[in-house]
Structure formats: structure tokens, C-alpha cells
């Protein structure tokens, strides 16, 4: 696999200067994922915009993290699982929600479990839910808006997860304590 550049605030091509500046201001550093995405300022900008849209969606912070974690787990993205663990902790997401996600277990809260199951179906079935899948989500108290917000969040995570796979983005030092490996890899 070819080596992809991971740009920093100190070393980036001119075409990435504006987006690197935006990233640096927003996060106080340039996370590896965004350093890689900034090779295409359009891709980095899309990631930032999608992230803001997900944050403004109908999800509570806990629900948002359940959907992010579910997608990251299904895509086996070690970088995003570590980063989202750190982000979840900084946003005071309950530890049991974080640990359940990292272990790939079922949530004790039936509403969160229904959201996880629906998100899983959407990723695995590539956006073709069955009527029963939708009915189960609605029975848990979610709405048509939830369905669209799951699709939005999948779009956000496809951009980051696939980029991390291709680039082989190393986990940033602030998130190193939360390193994660898929269950199959961890068992080896």
C-alpha cells in the first residue's frame, strides 16, 4: 500500500493551508484523520460539515455515540474507536455505554439497543432495511427523522473509517490510552 501523507499545522502543502488552519482552531491540534483528509481540502471540509450536521441531528449525545460506535465497530476502524472513546469520555457519556460499545455487547437500555440494531442493519444491508427493521425502530420510540439521521451518520463514518483504512492512520497521542482492536483481531 502506498504511503499517504498526514499533514500537520507545521508541514502541509499550500492547497491545504486554509483547511489545516480551520482544523487547528477547532481542535487545538491536527488529528491524524484530518491531517490525512486535508490532502483533499474538499474531503476534510466535508468531514467537518458532516460532523457538525451529526452533532445537530435529532440524537441525544449518548444516541449519537451509540450510532458512531456501532458503525466504527462494523467497519473495524481502530482509529475512530479510540478517538470516539476519548470524545465520549470528554462528553460524559456513561461508562457502561462506552464499554458496551467497545466490547460489541448488547445495551441494557432497550431503546439504545434498538438504535444499535437498526444502525447495524443499515450498514450490513447497505441501506435496504426490511419493514420489520423500521417497525422495531419506531416501536422503540424513534421516528422517520431518526432513520435519516442514521443515514447521515453512516455517511460521516464512511468518510472517516474508509480513509483510516487506506491511510492506516496511527492513533493520536491524546487517544492512545483508548486503543481498540476488533474482537476477531483481539482474540488472535
N, C-alpha and C. Protein backbone atom coordinates (compact mmCIF):
# COMPACT_ATOMS: atom_id res chain seq x y z
N UNK A 1 0.85 -1.18 0.00
CA UNK A 1 0.00 0.00 0.00
C UNK A 1 0.90 1.23 0.00
N UNK A 2 0.51 2.25 -0.76
CA UNK A 2 1.31 3.45 -0.82
C UNK A 2 1.16 4.26 0.46
N UNK A 3 2.18 5.00 0.77
CA UNK A 3 2.19 5.82 1.98
C UNK A 3 1.46 7.13 1.71
N UNK A 4 0.40 7.39 2.47
CA UNK A 4 -0.35 8.62 2.33
C UNK A 4 0.20 9.66 3.30
N UNK A 5 0.23 10.92 2.88
CA UNK A 5 0.69 11.97 3.79
C UNK A 5 -0.33 12.26 4.87
N UNK A 6 0.16 12.56 6.05
CA UNK A 6 -0.69 13.02 7.14
C UNK A 6 -0.14 14.40 7.50
N UNK A 7 -0.82 15.42 7.03
CA UNK A 7 -0.35 16.78 7.19
C UNK A 7 -0.53 17.28 8.62
N UNK A 8 0.31 18.23 8.99
CA UNK A 8 0.26 18.85 10.31
C UNK A 8 0.16 20.36 10.14
N UNK A 9 0.00 21.06 11.25
CA UNK A 9 -0.02 22.52 11.22
C UNK A 9 1.32 23.07 10.75
N UNK A 10 2.38 22.34 11.00
CA UNK A 10 3.72 22.79 10.63
C UNK A 10 4.14 22.37 9.23
N UNK A 11 3.60 21.28 8.74
CA UNK A 11 4.04 20.77 7.43
C UNK A 11 2.83 20.35 6.61
N UNK A 12 2.44 21.22 5.71
CA UNK A 12 1.31 20.92 4.83
C UNK A 12 1.51 21.66 3.52
N UNK A 13 0.96 21.13 2.46
CA UNK A 13 1.07 21.83 1.18
C UNK A 13 0.18 23.09 1.18
N UNK A 14 0.51 24.01 0.32
CA UNK A 14 -0.23 25.27 0.26
C UNK A 14 -1.73 25.06 0.05
N UNK A 15 -2.08 24.06 -0.78
CA UNK A 15 -3.51 23.86 -1.06
C UNK A 15 -4.30 23.42 0.17
N UNK A 16 -3.62 23.01 1.23
CA UNK A 16 -4.30 22.56 2.45
C UNK A 16 -4.24 23.61 3.56
N UNK A 17 -3.63 24.75 3.31
CA UNK A 17 -3.41 25.74 4.38
C UNK A 17 -4.71 26.19 5.05
N UNK A 18 -5.71 26.51 4.27
CA UNK A 18 -6.95 27.03 4.86
C UNK A 18 -7.64 25.98 5.73
N UNK A 19 -7.77 24.75 5.22
CA UNK A 19 -8.46 23.72 5.99
C UNK A 19 -7.64 23.32 7.22
N UNK A 20 -6.33 23.29 7.10
CA UNK A 20 -5.47 22.99 8.26
C UNK A 20 -5.66 24.06 9.33
N UNK A 21 -5.75 25.32 8.92
CA UNK A 21 -5.99 26.41 9.87
C UNK A 21 -7.32 26.24 10.59
N UNK A 22 -8.35 25.87 9.85
CA UNK A 22 -9.67 25.63 10.44
C UNK A 22 -9.61 24.48 11.45
N UNK A 23 -8.95 23.41 11.08
CA UNK A 23 -8.82 22.24 11.96
C UNK A 23 -8.06 22.60 13.23
N UNK A 24 -6.95 23.30 13.07
CA UNK A 24 -6.12 23.71 14.21
C UNK A 24 -6.92 24.57 15.18
N UNK A 25 -7.71 25.50 14.65
CA UNK A 25 -8.53 26.37 15.51
C UNK A 25 -9.61 25.57 16.24
N UNK A 26 -10.24 24.64 15.52
CA UNK A 26 -11.35 23.88 16.10
C UNK A 26 -10.90 22.90 17.18
N UNK A 27 -9.78 22.22 16.95
CA UNK A 27 -9.37 21.14 17.85
C UNK A 27 -8.14 21.45 18.70
N UNK A 28 -7.41 22.51 18.36
CA UNK A 28 -6.19 22.83 19.09
C UNK A 28 -4.99 22.03 18.63
N UNK A 29 -5.22 21.08 17.74
CA UNK A 29 -4.17 20.29 17.10
C UNK A 29 -4.78 19.71 15.83
N UNK A 30 -3.95 19.07 15.02
CA UNK A 30 -4.46 18.46 13.79
C UNK A 30 -4.51 16.95 14.01
N UNK A 31 -5.70 16.40 14.29
CA UNK A 31 -5.81 14.95 14.43
C UNK A 31 -5.35 14.26 13.15
N UNK A 32 -4.77 13.07 13.30
CA UNK A 32 -4.25 12.34 12.15
C UNK A 32 -5.24 12.16 11.03
N UNK A 33 -6.49 11.81 11.36
CA UNK A 33 -7.51 11.64 10.33
C UNK A 33 -7.65 12.91 9.51
N UNK A 34 -7.76 14.05 10.17
CA UNK A 34 -7.95 15.31 9.45
C UNK A 34 -6.68 15.74 8.74
N UNK A 35 -5.53 15.37 9.28
CA UNK A 35 -4.27 15.63 8.57
C UNK A 35 -4.22 14.85 7.27
N UNK A 36 -4.73 13.63 7.29
CA UNK A 36 -4.78 12.82 6.07
C UNK A 36 -5.84 13.36 5.11
N UNK A 37 -7.03 13.65 5.63
CA UNK A 37 -8.10 14.16 4.78
C UNK A 37 -7.75 15.50 4.14
N UNK A 38 -6.91 16.28 4.78
CA UNK A 38 -6.60 17.61 4.25
C UNK A 38 -5.80 17.57 2.94
N UNK A 39 -5.31 16.39 2.57
CA UNK A 39 -4.71 16.25 1.23
C UNK A 39 -5.75 16.64 0.18
N UNK A 40 -7.01 16.37 0.50
CA UNK A 40 -8.15 16.84 -0.30
C UNK A 40 -8.93 17.80 0.58
N UNK A 41 -8.68 19.11 0.47
CA UNK A 41 -9.43 20.05 1.31
C UNK A 41 -10.94 19.86 1.21
N UNK A 42 -11.43 19.42 0.07
CA UNK A 42 -12.88 19.16 -0.07
C UNK A 42 -13.30 18.01 0.83
N UNK A 43 -12.51 16.95 0.90
CA UNK A 43 -12.84 15.81 1.77
C UNK A 43 -12.78 16.23 3.24
N UNK A 44 -11.76 16.99 3.62
CA UNK A 44 -11.65 17.44 5.01
C UNK A 44 -12.83 18.35 5.36
N UNK A 45 -13.17 19.26 4.45
CA UNK A 45 -14.31 20.14 4.68
C UNK A 45 -15.61 19.38 4.80
N UNK A 46 -15.78 18.36 3.96
CA UNK A 46 -16.99 17.54 4.03
C UNK A 46 -17.07 16.81 5.36
N UNK A 47 -15.94 16.28 5.83
CA UNK A 47 -15.92 15.59 7.12
C UNK A 47 -16.34 16.54 8.24
N UNK A 48 -15.77 17.75 8.25
CA UNK A 48 -16.11 18.73 9.28
C UNK A 48 -17.59 19.11 9.21
N UNK A 49 -18.10 19.32 8.01
CA UNK A 49 -19.52 19.68 7.84
C UNK A 49 -20.44 18.55 8.25
N UNK A 50 -20.11 17.33 7.84
CA UNK A 50 -20.93 16.18 8.23
C UNK A 50 -20.92 15.99 9.74
N UNK A 51 -19.76 16.17 10.36
CA UNK A 51 -19.67 16.04 11.81
C UNK A 51 -20.55 17.05 12.52
N UNK A 52 -20.55 18.28 12.02
CA UNK A 52 -21.42 19.31 12.60
C UNK A 52 -22.89 18.95 12.41
N UNK A 53 -23.23 18.43 11.24
CA UNK A 53 -24.61 18.03 10.97
C UNK A 53 -25.03 16.90 11.91
N UNK A 54 -24.16 15.93 12.14
CA UNK A 54 -24.48 14.83 13.05
C UNK A 54 -24.69 15.38 14.46
N UNK A 55 -23.85 16.31 14.88
CA UNK A 55 -24.00 16.89 16.21
C UNK A 55 -25.32 17.66 16.35
N UNK A 56 -25.83 18.18 15.24
CA UNK A 56 -27.09 18.92 15.25
C UNK A 56 -28.30 18.06 14.90
N UNK A 57 -28.11 16.76 14.82
CA UNK A 57 -29.19 15.85 14.46
C UNK A 57 -30.15 15.66 15.63
N UNK A 58 -31.10 14.78 15.45
CA UNK A 58 -32.11 14.51 16.49
C UNK A 58 -31.57 13.66 17.64
N UNK A 59 -30.35 13.12 17.50
CA UNK A 59 -29.81 12.25 18.53
C UNK A 59 -29.42 13.00 19.80
N UNK A 60 -29.64 12.35 20.93
CA UNK A 60 -29.03 12.83 22.17
C UNK A 60 -27.53 12.55 22.04
N UNK A 61 -26.69 13.15 22.88
CA UNK A 61 -25.27 12.82 22.80
C UNK A 61 -25.00 11.31 22.95
N UNK A 62 -25.70 10.64 23.86
CA UNK A 62 -25.49 9.20 24.04
C UNK A 62 -25.91 8.44 22.78
N UNK A 63 -27.06 8.76 22.21
CA UNK A 63 -27.51 8.09 21.00
C UNK A 63 -26.52 8.31 19.85
N UNK A 64 -26.03 9.52 19.72
CA UNK A 64 -25.04 9.83 18.67
C UNK A 64 -23.82 8.92 18.80
N UNK A 65 -23.35 8.77 20.03
CA UNK A 65 -22.18 7.91 20.24
C UNK A 65 -22.50 6.44 20.00
N UNK A 66 -23.70 6.00 20.34
CA UNK A 66 -24.10 4.62 20.04
C UNK A 66 -24.03 4.37 18.53
N UNK A 67 -24.55 5.31 17.75
CA UNK A 67 -24.52 5.13 16.29
C UNK A 67 -23.09 5.19 15.79
N UNK A 68 -22.30 6.16 16.23
CA UNK A 68 -20.89 6.23 15.81
C UNK A 68 -20.15 4.94 16.16
N UNK A 69 -20.26 4.51 17.41
CA UNK A 69 -19.56 3.30 17.85
C UNK A 69 -20.00 2.07 17.05
N UNK A 70 -21.30 1.97 16.78
CA UNK A 70 -21.79 0.82 16.02
C UNK A 70 -21.17 0.78 14.64
N UNK A 71 -21.14 1.90 13.96
CA UNK A 71 -20.56 1.95 12.62
C UNK A 71 -19.06 1.69 12.67
N UNK A 72 -18.37 2.33 13.61
CA UNK A 72 -16.92 2.12 13.75
C UNK A 72 -16.59 0.65 14.00
N UNK A 73 -17.41 -0.01 14.82
CA UNK A 73 -17.18 -1.43 15.11
C UNK A 73 -17.39 -2.27 13.85
N UNK A 74 -18.48 -2.02 13.15
CA UNK A 74 -18.77 -2.80 11.94
C UNK A 74 -17.70 -2.60 10.88
N UNK A 75 -17.17 -1.38 10.79
CA UNK A 75 -16.12 -1.09 9.81
C UNK A 75 -14.72 -1.43 10.34
N UNK A 76 -14.66 -1.88 11.60
CA UNK A 76 -13.40 -2.26 12.24
C UNK A 76 -12.36 -1.14 12.17
N UNK A 77 -12.78 0.06 12.53
CA UNK A 77 -11.90 1.22 12.48
C UNK A 77 -11.26 1.47 13.84
N UNK A 78 -10.01 1.04 13.96
CA UNK A 78 -9.29 1.18 15.23
C UNK A 78 -9.10 2.65 15.61
N UNK A 79 -8.84 3.50 14.63
CA UNK A 79 -8.60 4.92 14.89
C UNK A 79 -9.87 5.56 15.47
N UNK A 80 -10.99 5.39 14.79
CA UNK A 80 -12.23 6.05 15.23
C UNK A 80 -12.74 5.48 16.55
N UNK A 81 -12.54 4.20 16.80
CA UNK A 81 -12.97 3.65 18.09
C UNK A 81 -12.17 4.30 19.23
N UNK A 82 -10.88 4.47 19.04
CA UNK A 82 -10.06 5.13 20.07
C UNK A 82 -10.46 6.59 20.22
N UNK A 83 -10.56 7.30 19.10
CA UNK A 83 -10.90 8.73 19.17
C UNK A 83 -12.28 8.94 19.76
N UNK A 84 -13.26 8.16 19.32
CA UNK A 84 -14.61 8.35 19.84
C UNK A 84 -14.73 7.93 21.31
N UNK A 85 -13.89 7.04 21.76
CA UNK A 85 -13.88 6.72 23.20
C UNK A 85 -13.45 7.95 23.98
N UNK A 86 -12.36 8.57 23.53
CA UNK A 86 -11.89 9.80 24.20
C UNK A 86 -12.91 10.91 24.14
N UNK A 87 -13.54 11.08 22.97
CA UNK A 87 -14.56 12.12 22.81
C UNK A 87 -15.76 11.82 23.71
N UNK A 88 -16.19 10.56 23.73
CA UNK A 88 -17.34 10.18 24.56
C UNK A 88 -17.05 10.46 26.04
N UNK A 89 -15.85 10.14 26.47
CA UNK A 89 -15.50 10.40 27.87
C UNK A 89 -15.51 11.90 28.15
N UNK A 90 -15.01 12.71 27.21
CA UNK A 90 -14.99 14.16 27.42
C UNK A 90 -16.41 14.74 27.41
N UNK A 91 -17.35 14.04 26.78
CA UNK A 91 -18.75 14.49 26.75
C UNK A 91 -19.59 13.82 27.84
N UNK A 92 -18.93 13.14 28.78
CA UNK A 92 -19.60 12.49 29.91
C UNK A 92 -20.65 11.46 29.51
N UNK A 93 -20.37 10.74 28.41
CA UNK A 93 -21.23 9.62 28.04
C UNK A 93 -21.02 8.54 29.10
N UNK A 94 -22.07 7.90 29.57
CA UNK A 94 -21.90 6.90 30.64
C UNK A 94 -20.89 5.80 30.26
N UNK A 95 -20.07 5.45 31.24
CA UNK A 95 -19.04 4.43 31.01
C UNK A 95 -19.62 3.12 30.52
N UNK A 96 -20.80 2.73 31.02
CA UNK A 96 -21.37 1.45 30.58
C UNK A 96 -21.73 1.50 29.09
N UNK A 97 -22.12 2.65 28.58
CA UNK A 97 -22.41 2.79 27.14
C UNK A 97 -21.11 2.62 26.34
N UNK A 98 -20.07 3.26 26.80
CA UNK A 98 -18.77 3.19 26.11
C UNK A 98 -18.24 1.75 26.14
N UNK A 99 -18.24 1.14 27.29
CA UNK A 99 -17.69 -0.22 27.42
C UNK A 99 -18.52 -1.25 26.65
N UNK A 100 -19.84 -1.07 26.64
CA UNK A 100 -20.70 -1.97 25.87
C UNK A 100 -20.35 -1.87 24.40
N UNK A 101 -20.17 -0.65 23.92
CA UNK A 101 -19.82 -0.45 22.50
C UNK A 101 -18.47 -1.07 22.19
N UNK A 102 -17.49 -0.82 23.01
CA UNK A 102 -16.13 -1.33 22.74
C UNK A 102 -16.08 -2.85 22.79
N UNK A 103 -16.93 -3.46 23.61
CA UNK A 103 -16.96 -4.92 23.72
C UNK A 103 -17.84 -5.56 22.65
N UNK A 104 -18.63 -4.74 21.97
CA UNK A 104 -19.55 -5.29 20.97
C UNK A 104 -20.72 -6.01 21.59
N UNK A 105 -21.06 -5.66 22.82
CA UNK A 105 -22.15 -6.30 23.55
C UNK A 105 -23.48 -5.62 23.26
N UNK A 106 -24.54 -6.17 23.84
CA UNK A 106 -25.86 -5.56 23.73
C UNK A 106 -26.05 -4.55 24.84
N UNK A 107 -26.77 -3.48 24.54
CA UNK A 107 -27.08 -2.46 25.55
C UNK A 107 -28.20 -2.94 26.45
N UNK A 108 -28.09 -2.62 27.73
CA UNK A 108 -29.15 -2.95 28.68
C UNK A 108 -30.39 -2.09 28.40
N UNK A 109 -30.19 -0.89 27.94
CA UNK A 109 -31.30 0.02 27.62
C UNK A 109 -31.91 -0.43 26.29
N UNK A 110 -33.18 -0.88 26.28
CA UNK A 110 -33.78 -1.40 25.05
C UNK A 110 -33.86 -0.36 23.93
N UNK A 111 -33.98 0.89 24.29
CA UNK A 111 -34.05 1.94 23.27
C UNK A 111 -32.69 2.08 22.56
N UNK A 112 -31.60 2.10 23.32
CA UNK A 112 -30.27 2.17 22.71
C UNK A 112 -29.98 0.91 21.90
N UNK A 113 -30.42 -0.23 22.41
CA UNK A 113 -30.22 -1.49 21.69
C UNK A 113 -30.96 -1.46 20.35
N UNK A 114 -32.18 -0.93 20.33
CA UNK A 114 -32.94 -0.83 19.08
C UNK A 114 -32.22 0.07 18.08
N UNK A 115 -31.61 1.15 18.56
CA UNK A 115 -30.86 2.05 17.69
C UNK A 115 -29.62 1.35 17.14
N UNK A 116 -28.95 0.60 17.99
CA UNK A 116 -27.77 -0.16 17.55
C UNK A 116 -28.17 -1.20 16.50
N UNK A 117 -29.24 -1.94 16.75
CA UNK A 117 -29.68 -2.99 15.82
C UNK A 117 -30.06 -2.37 14.47
N UNK A 118 -30.79 -1.26 14.49
CA UNK A 118 -31.19 -0.63 13.24
C UNK A 118 -29.96 -0.12 12.48
N UNK A 119 -29.04 0.52 13.18
CA UNK A 119 -27.82 1.01 12.53
C UNK A 119 -27.04 -0.15 11.93
N UNK A 120 -26.93 -1.23 12.65
CA UNK A 120 -26.25 -2.43 12.14
C UNK A 120 -26.91 -2.92 10.86
N UNK A 121 -28.24 -3.01 10.87
CA UNK A 121 -28.96 -3.47 9.68
C UNK A 121 -28.70 -2.53 8.50
N UNK A 122 -28.71 -1.24 8.74
CA UNK A 122 -28.48 -0.28 7.66
C UNK A 122 -27.09 -0.42 7.05
N UNK A 123 -26.09 -0.64 7.89
CA UNK A 123 -24.71 -0.80 7.38
C UNK A 123 -24.58 -2.13 6.65
N UNK A 124 -24.99 -3.21 7.29
CA UNK A 124 -24.82 -4.54 6.70
C UNK A 124 -25.65 -4.71 5.43
N UNK A 125 -26.87 -4.19 5.46
CA UNK A 125 -27.77 -4.35 4.30
C UNK A 125 -27.66 -3.19 3.31
N UNK A 126 -26.66 -2.35 3.50
CA UNK A 126 -26.34 -1.24 2.57
C UNK A 126 -27.54 -0.34 2.29
N UNK A 127 -28.24 0.00 3.36
CA UNK A 127 -29.34 0.94 3.24
C UNK A 127 -30.65 0.37 2.77
N UNK A 128 -30.81 -0.95 2.86
CA UNK A 128 -32.06 -1.60 2.45
C UNK A 128 -32.73 -2.25 3.66
N UNK A 129 -33.29 -1.45 4.58
CA UNK A 129 -33.94 -2.07 5.74
C UNK A 129 -35.23 -2.78 5.34
N UNK A 130 -35.56 -3.80 6.07
CA UNK A 130 -36.82 -4.52 5.88
C UNK A 130 -37.91 -3.79 6.68
N UNK A 131 -39.16 -3.97 6.30
CA UNK A 131 -40.24 -3.33 7.07
C UNK A 131 -40.17 -3.64 8.56
N UNK A 132 -39.80 -4.86 8.92
CA UNK A 132 -39.70 -5.21 10.34
C UNK A 132 -38.59 -4.42 11.05
N UNK A 133 -37.50 -4.11 10.32
CA UNK A 133 -36.41 -3.32 10.90
C UNK A 133 -36.90 -1.92 11.26
N UNK A 134 -37.63 -1.33 10.34
CA UNK A 134 -38.19 0.01 10.58
C UNK A 134 -39.20 -0.04 11.71
N UNK A 135 -40.06 -1.04 11.71
CA UNK A 135 -41.09 -1.15 12.74
C UNK A 135 -40.47 -1.30 14.12
N UNK A 136 -39.40 -2.07 14.23
CA UNK A 136 -38.73 -2.24 15.53
C UNK A 136 -38.14 -0.91 16.02
N UNK A 137 -37.58 -0.14 15.10
CA UNK A 137 -37.03 1.17 15.47
C UNK A 137 -38.15 2.10 15.93
N UNK A 138 -39.24 2.14 15.18
CA UNK A 138 -40.37 3.01 15.54
C UNK A 138 -41.01 2.56 16.86
N UNK A 139 -41.08 1.26 17.09
CA UNK A 139 -41.66 0.74 18.33
C UNK A 139 -40.84 1.16 19.55
N UNK A 140 -39.55 1.43 19.33
CA UNK A 140 -38.68 1.88 20.42
C UNK A 140 -38.80 3.38 20.66
N UNK A 141 -39.66 4.04 19.87
CA UNK A 141 -39.89 5.46 20.08
C UNK A 141 -39.14 6.38 19.13
N UNK A 142 -38.48 5.81 18.16
CA UNK A 142 -37.76 6.62 17.18
C UNK A 142 -38.68 6.99 16.02
N UNK A 143 -38.22 7.87 15.15
CA UNK A 143 -39.06 8.44 14.11
C UNK A 143 -38.41 8.32 12.72
N UNK A 144 -39.13 8.82 11.72
CA UNK A 144 -38.56 8.88 10.37
C UNK A 144 -37.30 9.74 10.36
N UNK A 145 -37.28 10.79 11.16
CA UNK A 145 -36.09 11.64 11.26
C UNK A 145 -34.89 10.82 11.74
N UNK A 146 -35.13 9.92 12.68
CA UNK A 146 -34.06 9.06 13.18
C UNK A 146 -33.44 8.26 12.04
N UNK A 147 -34.28 7.71 11.17
CA UNK A 147 -33.78 6.92 10.04
C UNK A 147 -32.83 7.76 9.19
N UNK A 148 -33.25 8.97 8.89
CA UNK A 148 -32.42 9.84 8.06
C UNK A 148 -31.16 10.27 8.80
N UNK A 149 -31.25 10.47 10.11
CA UNK A 149 -30.07 10.83 10.89
C UNK A 149 -29.08 9.65 10.99
N UNK A 150 -29.59 8.43 11.00
CA UNK A 150 -28.69 7.26 10.94
C UNK A 150 -27.95 7.26 9.60
N UNK A 151 -28.66 7.52 8.51
CA UNK A 151 -28.02 7.57 7.19
C UNK A 151 -26.97 8.68 7.14
N UNK A 152 -27.29 9.83 7.70
CA UNK A 152 -26.33 10.93 7.78
C UNK A 152 -25.06 10.49 8.51
N UNK A 153 -25.25 9.84 9.64
CA UNK A 153 -24.11 9.42 10.47
C UNK A 153 -23.29 8.34 9.77
N UNK A 154 -23.95 7.45 9.06
CA UNK A 154 -23.22 6.45 8.28
C UNK A 154 -22.34 7.15 7.24
N UNK A 155 -22.88 8.16 6.59
CA UNK A 155 -22.10 8.92 5.60
C UNK A 155 -20.85 9.52 6.24
N UNK A 156 -21.02 10.10 7.41
CA UNK A 156 -19.90 10.70 8.15
C UNK A 156 -18.83 9.66 8.46
N UNK A 157 -19.25 8.50 8.94
CA UNK A 157 -18.30 7.46 9.34
C UNK A 157 -17.69 6.74 8.15
N UNK A 158 -18.40 6.61 7.04
CA UNK A 158 -17.78 6.00 5.85
C UNK A 158 -16.58 6.84 5.44
N UNK A 159 -16.74 8.15 5.44
CA UNK A 159 -15.64 9.03 5.05
C UNK A 159 -14.43 8.85 5.97
N UNK A 160 -14.66 8.82 7.27
CA UNK A 160 -13.53 8.68 8.18
C UNK A 160 -13.01 7.25 8.26
N UNK A 161 -13.89 6.27 8.38
CA UNK A 161 -13.43 4.88 8.53
C UNK A 161 -12.66 4.42 7.30
N UNK A 162 -13.18 4.69 6.12
CA UNK A 162 -12.51 4.25 4.90
C UNK A 162 -11.17 4.98 4.73
N UNK A 163 -11.14 6.26 5.07
CA UNK A 163 -9.88 7.00 4.99
C UNK A 163 -8.86 6.37 5.93
N UNK A 164 -9.26 6.07 7.15
CA UNK A 164 -8.32 5.47 8.10
C UNK A 164 -7.83 4.11 7.63
N UNK A 165 -8.67 3.35 6.95
CA UNK A 165 -8.24 2.05 6.43
C UNK A 165 -7.17 2.24 5.36
N UNK A 166 -7.41 3.14 4.43
CA UNK A 166 -6.48 3.34 3.31
C UNK A 166 -5.18 3.97 3.79
N UNK A 167 -5.29 4.95 4.67
CA UNK A 167 -4.11 5.69 5.14
C UNK A 167 -3.36 4.93 6.23
N UNK A 168 -4.06 4.05 6.93
CA UNK A 168 -3.50 3.37 8.11
C UNK A 168 -3.11 4.41 9.15
N UNK A 169 -4.05 5.29 9.44
CA UNK A 169 -3.83 6.42 10.34
C UNK A 169 -3.47 5.93 11.74
N UNK A 170 -2.33 6.37 12.26
CA UNK A 170 -2.00 5.99 13.64
C UNK A 170 -2.88 6.76 14.62
N UNK A 171 -3.18 6.13 15.75
CA UNK A 171 -4.00 6.77 16.78
C UNK A 171 -3.22 7.95 17.36
N UNK A 172 -3.89 9.07 17.51
CA UNK A 172 -3.27 10.28 18.06
C UNK A 172 -2.93 10.08 19.53
N UNK A 173 -1.83 10.70 20.00
CA UNK A 173 -1.43 10.54 21.41
C UNK A 173 -2.55 10.80 22.42
N UNK A 174 -3.42 11.82 22.23
CA UNK A 174 -4.47 12.01 23.25
C UNK A 174 -5.43 10.82 23.38
N UNK A 175 -5.48 9.96 22.36
CA UNK A 175 -6.42 8.84 22.37
C UNK A 175 -5.72 7.48 22.50
N UNK A 176 -4.41 7.49 22.63
CA UNK A 176 -3.65 6.23 22.66
C UNK A 176 -4.09 5.31 23.79
N UNK A 177 -4.51 5.87 24.91
CA UNK A 177 -4.94 5.03 26.04
C UNK A 177 -6.23 4.27 25.74
N UNK A 178 -6.90 4.64 24.64
CA UNK A 178 -8.17 4.00 24.29
C UNK A 178 -8.05 3.10 23.05
N UNK A 179 -6.83 2.68 22.75
CA UNK A 179 -6.65 1.83 21.56
C UNK A 179 -7.61 0.65 21.63
N UNK A 180 -8.01 0.20 20.45
CA UNK A 180 -9.04 -0.84 20.32
C UNK A 180 -8.69 -1.70 19.12
N UNK A 181 -9.04 -2.95 19.21
CA UNK A 181 -8.91 -3.86 18.06
C UNK A 181 -10.22 -4.63 17.94
N UNK A 182 -10.62 -4.97 16.71
CA UNK A 182 -11.83 -5.78 16.54
C UNK A 182 -11.73 -7.06 17.34
N UNK A 183 -12.86 -7.58 17.75
CA UNK A 183 -12.90 -8.80 18.59
C UNK A 183 -12.11 -9.94 17.97
N UNK A 184 -12.23 -10.13 16.65
CA UNK A 184 -11.50 -11.23 15.99
C UNK A 184 -10.00 -11.02 16.08
N UNK A 185 -9.55 -9.78 15.90
CA UNK A 185 -8.11 -9.49 15.98
C UNK A 185 -7.62 -9.59 17.41
N UNK A 186 -8.43 -9.16 18.35
CA UNK A 186 -8.04 -9.21 19.76
C UNK A 186 -7.91 -10.64 20.25
N UNK A 187 -8.66 -11.57 19.66
CA UNK A 187 -8.63 -12.97 20.07
C UNK A 187 -7.40 -13.71 19.54
N UNK A 188 -6.79 -13.15 18.51
CA UNK A 188 -5.63 -13.83 17.88
C UNK A 188 -4.39 -13.76 18.73
